[in-house]
Amino acid sequence: MKALKKYRWPLTGALLGVLVFLAVYGVRVLDPTSVDWILNSLSPDPIQHYLGWELFRRSPVHLPYIGANYNAVYPFRTSVLFTDSLPLAALFFKLLGGILPMRFQYFGWWGLLCYALQGGLAQAVIARIAGVQPTFGRDDKSKAAISMSPGQTAKLWGSVLGAGVLVLFPALTIRMFAHTALAANWLVLLALYLWLRSDELMPTTRRACLIWGGMGLLCAGIHLYYLPMVGLVLVGYAVRRALQ
């Protein structure tokens, strides 16, 4: 309960994202055994993503090429990266292949996750830019109870409204079930959030290298297009750090 209270504002933004997703796409896409909506999509991209996952799922594993797909361009080897099937998700669910149903898709839940993270991170970034700073009671050693001035509370509600605008971001809606991996706009928001909180989260060069390196791996595991986008944020962070 203390954690929920502490992070209630980002969670409010995330909930807003979930509600928008359900209002736009409904709950049918969340059924992991429902693939008709993918195969009958107006855009050919979701079909490619799903078939790439299915071929990778049934592909043999030859170490160390854990992301190799031997079925997509038989008899040649290619990578799950090139079918835009969300490589991190594909690798995870391939490990669970023995217990998954014959027809299985994770793209609906990926969409819900993207909208939730878009809303939550947007709220956190906007609140940070607005200068909202939580104040903790002196006797509260756990720092779980957060007290806010009326002005800060107003800014927080404003940040939730701002998160709503970013949840309705056209690029997110257009990409969600057209070029699904590119709906991860939240990666850019996460990079901005790390920059805004760099003094707290990355006090040392070693910590900064680990966090930004992890961001690079996360981007590559979703879609390589996000590497230069997040890279621009990293350049901004590096320049700021150099000028301090």
C-alpha atoms as a PDB file:
ATOM      1  CA  MET A   1       0.000   0.000   0.000  1.00  0.00           C
ATOM      2  CA  LYS A   2       2.862   2.388   0.776  1.00  0.00           C
ATOM      3  CA  ALA A   3       4.375   1.766  -2.652  1.00  0.00           C
ATOM      4  CA  LEU A   4       1.012   2.404  -4.320  1.00  0.00           C
ATOM      5  CA  LYS A   5       0.689   5.679  -2.420  1.00  0.00           C
ATOM      6  CA  LYS A   6       4.210   6.731  -3.305  1.00  0.00           C
ATOM      7  CA  TYR A   7       3.792   6.051  -7.029  1.00  0.00           C
ATOM      8  CA  ARG A   8       0.092   6.838  -7.314  1.00  0.00           C
ATOM      9  CA  TRP A   9       0.586   9.625  -9.866  1.00  0.00           C
ATOM     10  CA  PRO A  10       2.581   7.629 -12.448  1.00  0.00           C
ATOM     11  CA  LEU A  11       0.154   4.757 -11.852  1.00  0.00           C
ATOM     12  CA  THR A  12      -2.722   7.142 -12.554  1.00  0.00           C
ATOM     13  CA  GLY A  13      -1.097   7.997 -15.881  1.00  0.00           C
ATOM     14  CA  ALA A  14      -0.606   4.299 -16.616  1.00  0.00           C
ATOM     15  CA  LEU A  15      -4.247   3.566 -15.779  1.00  0.00           C
ATOM     16  CA  LEU A  16      -5.303   6.324 -18.134  1.00  0.00           C
ATOM     17  CA  GLY A  17      -3.254   4.662 -20.862  1.00  0.00           C
ATOM     18  CA  VAL A  18      -4.891   1.297 -20.172  1.00  0.00           C
ATOM     19  CA  LEU A  19      -8.380   2.807 -20.364  1.00  0.00           C
ATOM     20  CA  VAL A  20      -7.617   4.510 -23.678  1.00  0.00           C
ATOM     21  CA  PHE A  21      -6.226   1.262 -25.103  1.00  0.00           C
ATOM     22  CA  LEU A  22      -9.314  -0.714 -24.095  1.00  0.00           C
ATOM     23  CA  ALA A  23     -11.604   1.991 -25.467  1.00  0.00           C
ATOM     24  CA  VAL A  24      -9.827   1.984 -28.834  1.00  0.00           C
ATOM     25  CA  TYR A  25      -8.993  -1.705 -29.309  1.00  0.00           C
ATOM     26  CA  GLY A  26     -11.306  -3.569 -26.945  1.00  0.00           C
ATOM     27  CA  VAL A  27     -10.459  -6.722 -25.004  1.00  0.00           C
ATOM     28  CA  ARG A  28     -10.537  -9.230 -27.870  1.00  0.00           C
ATOM     29  CA  VAL A  29      -6.915  -8.474 -28.755  1.00  0.00           C
ATOM     30  CA  LEU A  30      -5.868  -9.537 -25.241  1.00  0.00           C
ATOM     31  CA  ASP A  31      -6.912 -13.136 -25.837  1.00  0.00           C
ATOM     32  CA  PRO A  32      -3.540 -14.818 -26.541  1.00  0.00           C
ATOM     33  CA  THR A  33      -5.228 -17.528 -28.607  1.00  0.00           C
ATOM     34  CA  SER A  34      -7.088 -15.012 -30.811  1.00  0.00           C
ATOM     35  CA  VAL A  35      -5.138 -14.449 -34.026  1.00  0.00           C
ATOM     36  CA  ASP A  36      -7.963 -13.741 -36.494  1.00  0.00           C
ATOM     37  CA  TRP A  37      -7.741  -9.996 -35.917  1.00  0.00           C
ATOM     38  CA  ILE A  38      -4.051 -10.172 -36.873  1.00  0.00           C
ATOM     39  CA  LEU A  39      -4.451 -12.315 -39.978  1.00  0.00           C
ATOM     40  CA  ASN A  40      -7.373 -10.166 -41.173  1.00  0.00           C
ATOM     41  CA  SER A  41      -5.600  -6.878 -40.503  1.00  0.00           C
ATOM     42  CA  LEU A  42      -5.827  -4.143 -43.139  1.00  0.00           C
ATOM     43  CA  SER A  43      -2.067  -3.670 -42.805  1.00  0.00           C
ATOM     44  CA  PRO A  44       0.271  -6.487 -43.891  1.00  0.00           C
ATOM     45  CA  ASP A  45       2.769  -5.717 -41.126  1.00  0.00           C
ATOM     46  CA  PRO A  46       0.966  -7.440 -38.206  1.00  0.00           C
ATOM     47  CA  ILE A  47       0.678 -10.584 -40.339  1.00  0.00           C
ATOM     48  CA  GLN A  48       4.437 -10.494 -40.937  1.00  0.00           C
ATOM     49  CA  HIS A  49       5.106  -9.986 -37.229  1.00  0.00           C
ATOM     50  CA  TYR A  50       2.892 -12.900 -36.242  1.00  0.00           C
ATOM     51  CA  LEU A  51       4.213 -15.283 -38.917  1.00  0.00           C
ATOM     52  CA  GLY A  52       7.768 -14.302 -37.983  1.00  0.00           C
ATOM     53  CA  TRP A  53       7.012 -15.282 -34.391  1.00  0.00           C
ATOM     54  CA  GLU A  54       5.398 -18.578 -35.435  1.00  0.00           C
ATOM     55  CA  LEU A  55       8.332 -19.528 -37.655  1.00  0.00           C
ATOM     56  CA  PHE A  56      10.822 -18.548 -34.960  1.00  0.00           C
ATOM     57  CA  ARG A  57       8.835 -20.480 -32.360  1.00  0.00           C
ATOM     58  CA  ARG A  58       9.233 -23.678 -34.390  1.00  0.00           C
ATOM     59  CA  SER A  59      12.818 -23.008 -35.416  1.00  0.00           C
ATOM     60  CA  PRO A  60      15.564 -25.237 -33.972  1.00  0.00           C
ATOM     61  CA  VAL A  61      18.044 -23.677 -31.564  1.00  0.00           C
ATOM     62  CA  HIS A  62      21.746 -23.781 -32.384  1.00  0.00           C
ATOM     63  CA  LEU A  63      23.882 -22.076 -29.758  1.00  0.00           C
ATOM     64  CA  PRO A  64      25.074 -19.376 -29.575  1.00  0.00           C
ATOM     65  CA  TYR A  65      22.566 -18.115 -32.175  1.00  0.00           C
ATOM     66  CA  ILE A  66      19.600 -17.947 -29.819  1.00  0.00           C
ATOM     67  CA  GLY A  67      17.797 -15.364 -31.958  1.00  0.00           C
ATOM     68  CA  ALA A  68      18.293 -17.187 -35.250  1.00  0.00           C
ATOM     69  CA  ASN A  69      15.282 -18.173 -37.331  1.00  0.00           C
ATOM     70  CA  TYR A  70      15.968 -21.137 -39.620  1.00  0.00           C
ATOM     71  CA  ASN A  71      12.435 -21.348 -41.003  1.00  0.00           C
ATOM     72  CA  ALA A  72      11.725 -17.847 -42.316  1.00  0.00           C
ATOM     73  CA  VAL A  73      14.129 -17.909 -45.311  1.00  0.00           C
ATOM     74  CA  TYR A  74      14.816 -21.632 -45.584  1.00  0.00           C
ATOM     75  CA  PRO A  75      17.454 -22.984 -45.986  1.00  0.00           C
ATOM     76  CA  PHE A  76      19.246 -19.827 -44.856  1.00  0.00           C
ATOM     77  CA  ARG A  77      19.538 -18.463 -41.354  1.00  0.00           C
ATOM     78  CA  THR A  78      18.090 -15.082 -40.504  1.00  0.00           C
ATOM     79  CA  SER A  79      17.289 -13.269 -37.261  1.00  0.00           C
ATOM     80  CA  VAL A  80      14.038 -12.681 -35.438  1.00  0.00           C
ATOM     81  CA  LEU A  81      15.086  -9.018 -35.479  1.00  0.00           C
ATOM     82  CA  PHE A  82      14.220  -8.784 -39.165  1.00  0.00           C
ATOM     83  CA  THR A  83      10.600  -9.884 -38.840  1.00  0.00           C
ATOM     84  CA  ASP A  84       9.848  -7.166 -36.250  1.00  0.00           C
ATOM     85  CA  SER A  85       8.334  -9.789 -33.971  1.00  0.00           C
ATOM     86  CA  LEU A  86       9.471  -8.067 -30.752  1.00  0.00           C
ATOM     87  CA  PRO A  87      12.670 -10.131 -30.244  1.00  0.00           C
ATOM     88  CA  LEU A  88      12.681  -9.949 -26.428  1.00  0.00           C
ATOM     89  CA  ALA A  89       9.095 -11.228 -26.242  1.00  0.00           C
ATOM     90  CA  ALA A  90       9.751 -13.832 -28.929  1.00  0.00           C
ATOM     91  CA  LEU A  91      12.768 -15.198 -27.047  1.00  0.00           C
ATOM     92  CA  PHE A  92      10.876 -15.305 -23.756  1.00  0.00           C
ATOM     93  CA  PHE A  93       7.838 -17.100 -25.135  1.00  0.00           C
ATOM     94  CA  LYS A  94       9.984 -19.476 -27.169  1.00  0.00           C
ATOM     95  CA  LEU A  95      11.346 -20.722 -23.832  1.00  0.00           C
ATOM     96  CA  LEU A  96       7.746 -21.436 -22.805  1.00  0.00           C
ATOM     97  CA  GLY A  97       6.928 -23.099 -26.108  1.00  0.00           C
ATOM     98  CA  GLY A  98       6.199 -26.461 -24.506  1.00  0.00           C
ATOM     99  CA  ILE A  99       3.281 -25.133 -22.447  1.00  0.00           C
ATOM    100  CA  LEU A 100       1.828 -22.582 -24.867  1.00  0.00           C
ATOM    101  CA  PRO A 101      -1.283 -23.362 -26.931  1.00  0.00           C
ATOM    102  CA  MET A 102      -0.874 -24.102 -30.625  1.00  0.00           C
ATOM    103  CA  ARG A 103      -2.154 -20.652 -31.568  1.00  0.00           C
ATOM    104  CA  PHE A 104      -0.559 -17.963 -29.455  1.00  0.00           C
ATOM    105  CA  GLN A 105       0.070 -14.246 -29.860  1.00  0.00           C
ATOM    106  CA  TYR A 106       1.490 -11.674 -27.453  1.00  0.00           C
ATOM    107  CA  PHE A 107       0.939  -8.549 -29.549  1.00  0.00           C
ATOM    108  CA  GLY A 108      -2.312  -7.566 -27.827  1.00  0.00           C
ATOM    109  CA  TRP A 109      -0.733  -7.527 -24.378  1.00  0.00           C
ATOM    110  CA  TRP A 110       2.278  -5.722 -25.820  1.00  0.00           C
ATOM    111  CA  GLY A 111      -0.109  -3.001 -26.969  1.00  0.00           C
ATOM    112  CA  LEU A 112      -1.638  -2.700 -23.514  1.00  0.00           C
ATOM    113  CA  LEU A 113       1.839  -2.491 -21.976  1.00  0.00           C
ATOM    114  CA  CYS A 114       2.870   0.253 -24.416  1.00  0.00           C
ATOM    115  CA  TYR A 115      -0.151   2.378 -23.584  1.00  0.00           C
ATOM    116  CA  ALA A 116       0.354   1.891 -19.839  1.00  0.00           C
ATOM    117  CA  LEU A 117       4.045   2.793 -20.010  1.00  0.00           C
ATOM    118  CA  GLN A 118       3.299   5.739 -22.297  1.00  0.00           C
ATOM    119  CA  GLY A 119       0.869   7.142 -19.740  1.00  0.00           C
ATOM    120  CA  GLY A 120       2.962   6.412 -16.657  1.00  0.00           C
ATOM    121  CA  LEU A 121       6.265   7.685 -18.028  1.00  0.00           C
ATOM    122  CA  ALA A 122       4.639  10.717 -19.646  1.00  0.00           C
ATOM    123  CA  GLN A 123       3.202  11.733 -16.282  1.00  0.00           C
ATOM    124  CA  ALA A 124       6.565  11.233 -14.566  1.00  0.00           C
ATOM    125  CA  VAL A 125       8.460  13.245 -17.198  1.00  0.00           C
ATOM    126  CA  ILE A 126       5.957  16.120 -17.255  1.00  0.00           C
ATOM    127  CA  ALA A 127       5.864  16.285 -13.454  1.00  0.00           C
ATOM    128  CA  ARG A 128       9.649  16.367 -13.350  1.00  0.00           C
ATOM    129  CA  ILE A 129       9.845  19.154 -15.923  1.00  0.00           C
ATOM    130  CA  ALA A 130       7.183  21.085 -13.997  1.00  0.00           C
ATOM    131  CA  GLY A 131       9.439  20.997 -10.950  1.00  0.00           C
ATOM    132  CA  VAL A 132       7.249  18.837  -8.717  1.00  0.00           C
ATOM    133  CA  GLN A 133       9.341  17.701  -5.784  1.00  0.00           C
ATOM    134  CA  PRO A 134       7.931  15.413  -3.088  1.00  0.00           C
ATOM    135  CA  THR A 135       8.544  16.508   0.493  1.00  0.00           C
ATOM    136  CA  PHE A 136       8.918  13.895   3.186  1.00  0.00           C
ATOM    137  CA  GLY A 137       8.154  14.214   6.852  1.00  0.00           C
ATOM    138  CA  ARG A 138      11.171  14.352   9.110  1.00  0.00           C
ATOM    139  CA  ASP A 139       9.959  11.428  11.176  1.00  0.00           C
ATOM    140  CA  ASP A 140       9.181   9.278   8.148  1.00  0.00           C
ATOM    141  CA  LYS A 141      12.300   7.164   7.809  1.00  0.00           C
ATOM    142  CA  SER A 142      10.781   5.010   5.063  1.00  0.00           C
ATOM    143  CA  LYS A 143       9.919   8.135   3.011  1.00  0.00           C
ATOM    144  CA  ALA A 144       6.703   6.398   1.951  1.00  0.00           C
ATOM    145  CA  ALA A 145       4.267   9.133   2.963  1.00  0.00           C
ATOM    146  CA  ILE A 146       4.415  12.039   0.557  1.00  0.00           C
ATOM    147  CA  SER A 147       2.929  15.407   1.380  1.00  0.00           C
ATOM    148  CA  MET A 148       2.243  17.922  -1.359  1.00  0.00           C
ATOM    149  CA  SER A 149       1.470  21.628  -1.346  1.00  0.00           C
ATOM    150  CA  PRO A 150      -1.719  22.721  -3.174  1.00  0.00           C
ATOM    151  CA  GLY A 151       0.384  24.157  -5.988  1.00  0.00           C
ATOM    152  CA  GLN A 152       2.246  20.903  -6.478  1.00  0.00           C
ATOM    153  CA  THR A 153      -0.968  18.913  -6.407  1.00  0.00           C
ATOM    154  CA  ALA A 154      -2.357  21.115  -9.181  1.00  0.00           C
ATOM    155  CA  LYS A 155       0.808  20.518 -11.202  1.00  0.00           C
ATOM    156  CA  LEU A 156       0.447  16.774 -10.693  1.00  0.00           C
ATOM    157  CA  TRP A 157      -3.111  16.777 -11.997  1.00  0.00           C
ATOM    158  CA  GLY A 158      -1.864  18.844 -14.896  1.00  0.00           C
ATOM    159  CA  SER A 159       0.814  16.238 -15.555  1.00  0.00           C
ATOM    160  CA  VAL A 160      -1.872  13.535 -15.687  1.00  0.00           C
ATOM    161  CA  LEU A 161      -3.755  15.584 -18.288  1.00  0.00           C
ATOM    162  CA  GLY A 162      -0.520  15.972 -20.218  1.00  0.00           C
ATOM    163  CA  ALA A 163      -0.032  12.216 -20.045  1.00  0.00           C
ATOM    164  CA  GLY A 164      -3.495  11.836 -21.558  1.00  0.00           C
ATOM    165  CA  VAL A 165      -2.396  13.951 -24.525  1.00  0.00           C
ATOM    166  CA  LEU A 166       0.670  11.766 -25.079  1.00  0.00           C
ATOM    167  CA  VAL A 167      -1.394   8.592 -24.754  1.00  0.00           C
ATOM    168  CA  LEU A 168      -3.444   9.934 -27.672  1.00  0.00           C
ATOM    169  CA  PHE A 169      -0.233  10.675 -29.616  1.00  0.00           C
ATOM    170  CA  PRO A 170      -1.056   9.889 -33.293  1.00  0.00           C
ATOM    171  CA  ALA A 171       2.216   8.013 -33.871  1.00  0.00           C
ATOM    172  CA  LEU A 172       1.293   5.607 -31.069  1.00  0.00           C
ATOM    173  CA  THR A 173      -2.204   4.976 -32.407  1.00  0.00           C
ATOM    174  CA  ILE A 174      -1.054   4.590 -36.000  1.00  0.00           C
ATOM    175  CA  ARG A 175       1.808   2.237 -35.198  1.00  0.00           C
ATOM    176  CA  MET A 176       0.117   0.080 -32.593  1.00  0.00           C
ATOM    177  CA  PHE A 177      -1.316  -2.566 -34.889  1.00  0.00           C
ATOM    178  CA  ALA A 178       0.326  -1.503 -38.121  1.00  0.00           C
ATOM    179  CA  HIS A 179       4.037  -1.650 -37.259  1.00  0.00           C
ATOM    180  CA  THR A 180       3.625  -2.903 -33.734  1.00  0.00           C
ATOM    181  CA  ALA A 181       7.194  -2.769 -32.457  1.00  0.00           C
ATOM    182  CA  LEU A 182       7.371   0.940 -33.283  1.00  0.00           C
ATOM    183  CA  ALA A 183       4.595   1.642 -30.779  1.00  0.00           C
ATOM    184  CA  ALA A 184       7.263   1.651 -28.074  1.00  0.00           C
ATOM    185  CA  ASN A 185       7.330   5.455 -27.931  1.00  0.00           C
ATOM    186  CA  TRP A 186       7.748   5.029 -24.184  1.00  0.00           C
ATOM    187  CA  LEU A 187      11.412   4.151 -24.778  1.00  0.00           C
ATOM    188  CA  VAL A 188      12.082   7.797 -25.640  1.00  0.00           C
ATOM    189  CA  LEU A 189      10.111   8.913 -22.582  1.00  0.00           C
ATOM    190  CA  LEU A 190      12.111   6.503 -20.421  1.00  0.00           C
ATOM    191  CA  ALA A 191      15.373   7.920 -21.788  1.00  0.00           C
ATOM    192  CA  LEU A 192      14.171  11.465 -21.035  1.00  0.00           C
ATOM    193  CA  TYR A 193      13.170  10.418 -17.530  1.00  0.00           C
ATOM    194  CA  LEU A 194      16.621   8.919 -16.920  1.00  0.00           C
ATOM    195  CA  TRP A 195      18.211  12.155 -18.111  1.00  0.00           C
ATOM    196  CA  LEU A 196      15.989  14.288 -15.888  1.00  0.00           C
ATOM    197  CA  ARG A 197      16.829  12.133 -12.872  1.00  0.00           C
ATOM    198  CA  SER A 198      20.440  11.456 -13.821  1.00  0.00           C
ATOM    199  CA  ASP A 199      21.856  13.172 -10.728  1.00  0.00           C
ATOM    200  CA  GLU A 200      19.981  10.713  -8.519  1.00  0.00           C
ATOM    201  CA  LEU A 201      20.027   7.574 -10.666  1.00  0.00           C
ATOM    202  CA  MET A 202      23.491   7.926 -12.220  1.00  0.00           C
ATOM    203  CA  PRO A 203      25.800   9.533  -9.667  1.00  0.00           C
ATOM    204  CA  THR A 204      28.850   7.740 -11.082  1.00  0.00           C
ATOM    205  CA  THR A 205      30.174   7.159 -14.598  1.00  0.00           C
ATOM    206  CA  ARG A 206      30.034   3.411 -14.065  1.00  0.00           C
ATOM    207  CA  ARG A 207      26.354   3.529 -13.124  1.00  0.00           C
ATOM    208  CA  ALA A 208      25.631   5.748 -16.117  1.00  0.00           C
ATOM    209  CA  CYS A 209      27.359   3.333 -18.497  1.00  0.00           C
ATOM    210  CA  LEU A 210      25.405   0.394 -17.089  1.00  0.00           C
ATOM    211  CA  ILE A 211      22.042   2.159 -17.329  1.00  0.00           C
ATOM    212  CA  TRP A 212      22.558   3.568 -20.812  1.00  0.00           C
ATOM    213  CA  GLY A 213      24.007   0.271 -21.987  1.00  0.00           C
ATOM    214  CA  GLY A 214      20.885  -1.450 -20.668  1.00  0.00           C
ATOM    215  CA  MET A 215      18.752   1.070 -22.549  1.00  0.00           C
ATOM    216  CA  GLY A 216      20.630   0.204 -25.736  1.00  0.00           C
ATOM    217  CA  LEU A 217      19.982  -3.511 -25.263  1.00  0.00           C
ATOM    218  CA  LEU A 218      16.317  -2.826 -24.513  1.00  0.00           C
ATOM    219  CA  CYS A 219      15.954  -0.783 -27.697  1.00  0.00           C
ATOM    220  CA  ALA A 220      17.670  -3.456 -29.793  1.00  0.00           C
ATOM    221  CA  GLY A 221      15.420  -6.096 -28.247  1.00  0.00           C
ATOM    222  CA  ILE A 222      12.320  -4.187 -29.357  1.00  0.00           C
ATOM    223  CA  HIS A 223      13.271  -2.397 -32.581  1.00  0.00           C
ATOM    224  CA  LEU A 224      16.585  -1.065 -33.851  1.00  0.00           C
ATOM    225  CA  TYR A 225      14.937   2.194 -34.981  1.00  0.00           C
ATOM    226  CA  TYR A 226      14.832   3.280 -31.356  1.00  0.00           C
ATOM    227  CA  LEU A 227      18.609   3.146 -30.967  1.00  0.00           C
ATOM    228  CA  PRO A 228      19.273   6.496 -32.717  1.00  0.00           C
ATOM    229  CA  MET A 229      16.254   8.110 -31.025  1.00  0.00           C
ATOM    230  CA  VAL A 230      17.444   7.160 -27.572  1.00  0.00           C
ATOM    231  CA  GLY A 231      20.984   7.870 -28.715  1.00  0.00           C
ATOM    232  CA  LEU A 232      20.075  11.534 -29.243  1.00  0.00           C
ATOM    233  CA  VAL A 233      18.877  11.719 -25.644  1.00  0.00           C
ATOM    234  CA  LEU A 234      22.140  10.102 -24.553  1.00  0.00           C
ATOM    235  CA  VAL A 235      24.109  12.742 -26.485  1.00  0.00           C
ATOM    236  CA  GLY A 236      22.149  15.466 -24.707  1.00  0.00           C
ATOM    237  CA  TYR A 237      22.868  13.826 -21.353  1.00  0.00           C
ATOM    238  CA  ALA A 238      26.579  13.469 -22.181  1.00  0.00           C
ATOM    239  CA  VAL A 239      26.879  17.127 -23.234  1.00  0.00           C
ATOM    240  CA  ARG A 240      25.138  18.279 -20.060  1.00  0.00           C
ATOM    241  CA  ARG A 241      27.390  16.061 -17.970  1.00  0.00           C
ATOM    242  CA  ALA A 242      30.496  17.404 -19.724  1.00  0.00           C
ATOM    243  CA  LEU A 243      29.449  21.023 -19.101  1.00  0.00           C
ATOM    244  CA  GLN A 244      28.821  20.549 -15.396  1.00  0.00           C
END
